[in-house]
Amino acid sequence: MKLTTNTNVSVDGVMQGLGGPEEDRWGGFERGGWAMPHFDSETAALIGQVYQRADAFLFGRRTYEIFAGSWGAMADSDDPIAVALNTRPKYVASTTLTDLQWADTTVLSGDVAAAVGELKAKPGGELQVVGSLSLARLLLDNDLVDEITLLTFPVVVGQGRRLFPDAGLDTALELVESRATANGVTIQVYRTAGRPQYGTATADPKHEKDTPRA
């Protein structure tokens, strides 16, 4: 299976507490709900399309519990996101979770990177990681992510946990898809492409020759 990440971020990369002031106050975060003013029907449709791509979902424990308590209670809904989440297999990485609130859930309680590697080796389409910051970082650091889907909301939050840490694995990306809504939300799908190339900025000889001098 192809492993993808599905992440909502601000322009400055924050992914904490997008859904409301009380969603996630970890670390004293006080600016929750930053995505909601930009969430319209076009954005919802775009996000629904991303969820529909998944053959299975992978969560960290905290995100799993939030989703199980919300989307898991919408088993009879025809919302595309609810349908995808409630009808497809779910995996959750946790060493402490014992109360599985959601049907068709499997716990990955040992070496998460190894377990995910085994899942990727199975036939299938897309194993999609939804949110789950710590898990997403672990998978990126272990070179297990094949594609990164970023839904970027037009706001600078200025505090909160970010998808990419100050120090992490460097990764080259290839842009696969780019779209934008009328409300300013953009979606970029990137394919991971190993390590980046690094170079040195040098003057363009042609540019130097053609530049007028005083």
Protein backbone atom coordinates (compact mmCIF):
# COMPACT_ATOMS: atom_id res chain seq x y z
CA MET A 1 0.00 0.00 0.00
CA LYS A 2 1.02 3.57 -0.57
CA LEU A 3 1.36 5.56 2.67
CA THR A 4 0.08 9.13 2.54
CA THR A 5 -0.37 11.85 5.14
CA ASN A 6 -3.46 14.06 5.17
CA THR A 7 -2.79 17.24 7.13
CA ASN A 8 -4.52 20.58 7.64
CA VAL A 9 -2.01 23.33 8.36
CA SER A 10 -1.81 27.08 8.65
CA VAL A 11 0.57 29.04 6.41
CA ASP A 12 3.17 28.87 9.19
CA GLY A 13 2.75 25.09 9.45
CA VAL A 14 0.66 24.86 12.63
CA MET A 15 -1.66 21.85 12.79
CA GLN A 16 -2.70 22.06 16.44
CA GLY A 17 -6.29 22.80 17.44
CA LEU A 18 -7.69 23.70 14.04
CA GLY A 19 -11.25 22.65 14.93
CA GLY A 20 -12.04 24.80 17.95
CA PRO A 21 -10.74 26.57 21.09
CA GLU A 22 -11.08 23.47 23.29
CA GLU A 23 -9.89 20.85 20.80
CA ASP A 24 -6.24 20.80 21.83
CA ARG A 25 -4.76 23.08 24.49
CA TRP A 26 -1.53 21.08 24.81
CA GLY A 27 1.40 23.31 25.80
CA GLY A 28 -0.87 26.24 26.67
CA PHE A 29 -2.15 26.64 23.10
CA GLU A 30 -4.81 29.38 23.03
CA ARG A 31 -5.58 29.91 19.35
CA GLY A 32 -7.68 26.86 18.52
CA GLY A 33 -10.29 27.08 15.78
CA TRP A 34 -8.14 28.94 13.27
CA ALA A 35 -9.31 26.85 10.29
CA MET A 36 -13.05 27.15 10.83
CA PRO A 37 -13.65 30.66 9.36
CA HIS A 38 -12.25 29.37 6.04
CA PHE A 39 -14.16 26.09 5.99
CA ASP A 40 -16.91 26.34 3.37
CA SER A 41 -18.76 23.84 1.17
CA GLU A 42 -16.04 23.91 -1.48
CA THR A 43 -13.37 23.14 1.12
CA ALA A 44 -15.51 20.36 2.60
CA ALA A 45 -15.92 18.79 -0.84
CA LEU A 46 -12.18 18.98 -1.44
CA ILE A 47 -11.42 17.31 1.89
CA GLY A 48 -14.05 14.66 1.21
CA GLN A 49 -12.27 13.75 -2.01
CA VAL A 50 -9.01 13.25 -0.10
CA TYR A 51 -10.68 10.91 2.40
CA GLN A 52 -12.37 8.94 -0.37
CA ARG A 53 -8.96 8.02 -1.78
CA ALA A 54 -8.07 5.95 1.29
CA ASP A 55 -8.37 2.17 1.44
CA ALA A 56 -7.49 2.25 5.15
CA PHE A 57 -6.68 4.86 7.79
CA LEU A 58 -3.86 5.17 10.30
CA PHE A 59 -4.08 7.33 13.43
CA GLY A 60 -2.13 8.31 16.48
CA ARG A 61 -3.98 7.66 19.74
CA ARG A 62 -5.16 11.22 20.42
CA THR A 63 -6.46 11.81 16.91
CA TYR A 64 -8.13 8.40 16.94
CA GLU A 65 -10.01 9.21 20.14
CA ILE A 66 -11.16 12.59 18.79
CA PHE A 67 -12.34 11.05 15.52
CA ALA A 68 -13.97 8.05 17.18
CA GLY A 69 -16.01 10.37 19.36
CA SER A 70 -17.15 12.52 16.44
CA TRP A 71 -17.05 10.78 13.07
CA GLY A 72 -17.51 7.39 14.72
CA ALA A 73 -20.92 8.55 15.95
CA MET A 74 -21.99 9.30 12.36
CA ALA A 75 -22.16 5.75 11.05
CA ASP A 76 -25.49 6.41 9.32
CA SER A 77 -24.41 9.68 7.72
CA ASP A 78 -23.97 10.05 3.97
CA ASP A 79 -21.23 12.65 4.44
CA PRO A 80 -18.28 11.51 2.26
CA ILE A 81 -15.80 11.83 5.11
CA ALA A 82 -18.02 9.90 7.52
CA VAL A 83 -18.67 7.19 4.95
CA ALA A 84 -14.96 6.72 4.29
CA LEU A 85 -14.01 6.65 7.96
CA ASN A 86 -16.80 4.33 9.05
CA THR A 87 -16.57 1.77 6.25
CA ARG A 88 -12.81 1.23 5.93
CA PRO A 89 -10.24 -0.44 8.19
CA LYS A 90 -8.59 1.72 10.82
CA TYR A 91 -5.23 1.29 12.54
CA VAL A 92 -4.12 3.20 15.62
CA ALA A 93 -0.57 3.43 16.94
CA SER A 94 -0.70 3.22 20.73
CA THR A 95 0.86 1.36 23.63
CA THR A 96 -1.89 2.39 26.07
CA LEU A 97 -5.20 2.22 24.19
CA THR A 98 -7.45 -0.61 25.31
CA ASP A 99 -10.96 0.77 24.72
CA LEU A 100 -11.57 0.48 20.99
CA GLN A 101 -14.55 2.77 20.46
CA TRP A 102 -14.67 2.33 16.70
CA ALA A 103 -15.53 -0.76 14.69
CA ASP A 104 -12.89 -2.34 12.44
CA THR A 105 -9.96 -0.93 14.42
CA THR A 106 -6.60 -2.64 14.92
CA VAL A 107 -4.05 -1.42 17.47
CA LEU A 108 -0.35 -1.24 16.54
CA SER A 109 1.25 -1.47 19.96
CA GLY A 110 4.83 -2.55 19.30
CA ASP A 111 7.44 -1.07 16.98
CA VAL A 112 5.22 1.31 15.03
CA ALA A 113 7.67 1.91 12.20
CA ALA A 114 8.11 -1.84 11.67
CA ALA A 115 4.36 -2.47 11.87
CA VAL A 116 3.64 0.25 9.34
CA GLY A 117 6.32 -1.15 7.06
CA GLU A 118 4.52 -4.50 7.15
CA LEU A 119 1.20 -2.80 6.32
CA LYS A 120 2.80 -1.04 3.37
CA ALA A 121 4.04 -4.36 2.05
CA LYS A 122 0.48 -5.66 1.79
CA PRO A 123 -1.46 -5.30 -1.48
CA GLY A 124 -3.86 -2.39 -1.63
CA GLY A 125 -4.20 1.24 -2.56
CA GLU A 126 -3.72 4.03 -0.04
CA LEU A 127 -3.06 3.86 3.70
CA GLN A 128 -3.85 7.38 4.84
CA VAL A 129 -2.56 9.02 8.02
CA VAL A 130 -5.02 11.66 9.20
CA GLY A 131 -3.58 14.45 11.37
CA SER A 132 -1.67 12.64 14.14
CA LEU A 133 1.31 14.98 14.41
CA SER A 134 3.67 12.77 16.43
CA LEU A 135 2.92 9.74 14.27
CA ALA A 136 3.35 11.70 11.04
CA ARG A 137 6.73 12.94 12.23
CA LEU A 138 7.83 9.41 13.16
CA LEU A 139 6.84 8.07 9.76
CA LEU A 140 8.62 10.91 7.96
CA ASP A 141 11.76 10.34 10.02
CA ASN A 142 11.71 6.66 9.03
CA ASP A 143 11.24 7.34 5.30
CA LEU A 144 7.87 5.57 5.27
CA VAL A 145 5.76 8.34 3.71
CA ASP A 146 5.15 8.13 -0.04
CA GLU A 147 2.98 11.23 -0.45
CA ILE A 148 2.18 14.30 1.64
CA THR A 149 -1.19 16.02 1.21
CA LEU A 150 -1.28 19.51 2.71
CA LEU A 151 -4.46 21.53 3.00
CA THR A 152 -3.17 25.00 3.83
CA PHE A 153 -5.49 27.59 5.34
CA PRO A 154 -4.79 31.31 4.74
CA VAL A 155 -3.83 32.27 8.29
CA VAL A 156 -0.62 32.67 10.30
CA VAL A 157 -1.39 31.26 13.76
CA GLY A 158 1.89 32.28 15.37
CA GLN A 159 2.02 29.54 18.02
CA GLY A 160 1.30 25.83 18.35
CA ARG A 161 2.77 22.53 17.24
CA ARG A 162 3.94 22.40 13.64
CA LEU A 163 4.06 19.46 11.25
CA PHE A 164 7.75 19.88 10.51
CA PRO A 165 10.05 20.31 13.54
CA ASP A 166 13.04 22.64 13.72
CA ALA A 167 15.31 19.61 13.23
CA GLY A 168 14.15 16.63 11.19
CA LEU A 169 14.91 14.47 8.19
CA ASP A 170 15.46 16.48 5.02
CA THR A 171 13.20 15.32 2.19
CA ALA A 172 12.95 16.23 -1.48
CA LEU A 173 9.40 16.62 -2.80
CA GLU A 174 7.78 16.46 -6.23
CA LEU A 175 4.53 18.37 -6.70
CA VAL A 176 1.79 16.02 -7.94
CA GLU A 177 -1.30 18.21 -7.62
CA SER A 178 -2.15 21.78 -6.65
CA ARG A 179 -5.59 23.33 -6.29
CA ALA A 180 -7.17 26.29 -4.50
CA THR A 181 -10.66 27.19 -3.31
CA ALA A 182 -12.31 30.58 -3.72
CA ASN A 183 -11.93 31.00 0.03
CA GLY A 184 -8.15 30.76 -0.15
CA VAL A 185 -7.60 27.18 1.04
CA THR A 186 -4.98 25.39 -1.06
CA ILE A 187 -4.27 21.70 -1.47
CA GLN A 188 -0.86 20.45 -2.48
CA VAL A 189 -0.01 16.80 -2.98
CA TYR A 190 3.71 16.04 -2.89
CA ARG A 191 5.50 12.79 -3.68
CA THR A 192 8.57 12.17 -1.54
CA ALA A 193 11.76 11.85 -3.57
CA GLY A 194 14.63 10.96 -1.27
CA ARG A 195 17.11 13.53 -0.01
CA PRO A 196 17.20 17.05 -1.47
CA GLN A 197 20.04 18.34 -3.60
CA TYR A 198 21.96 21.32 -2.26
CA GLY A 199 23.81 23.94 -4.25
CA THR A 200 25.44 27.33 -4.06
CA ALA A 201 23.97 30.51 -5.47
CA THR A 202 26.19 31.91 -8.22
CA ALA A 203 25.87 34.97 -10.41
CA ASP A 204 24.44 34.40 -13.88
CA PRO A 205 27.18 35.52 -16.33
CA LYS A 206 24.56 36.56 -18.93
CA HIS A 207 22.67 38.54 -16.34
CA GLU A 208 25.88 40.23 -15.21
CA LYS A 209 26.74 41.20 -18.83
CA ASP A 210 23.28 42.59 -19.57
CA THR A 211 22.92 44.57 -16.34
CA PRO A 212 23.42 48.32 -16.93
CA ARG A 213 26.19 49.84 -14.83
CA ALA A 214 26.21 53.34 -13.39
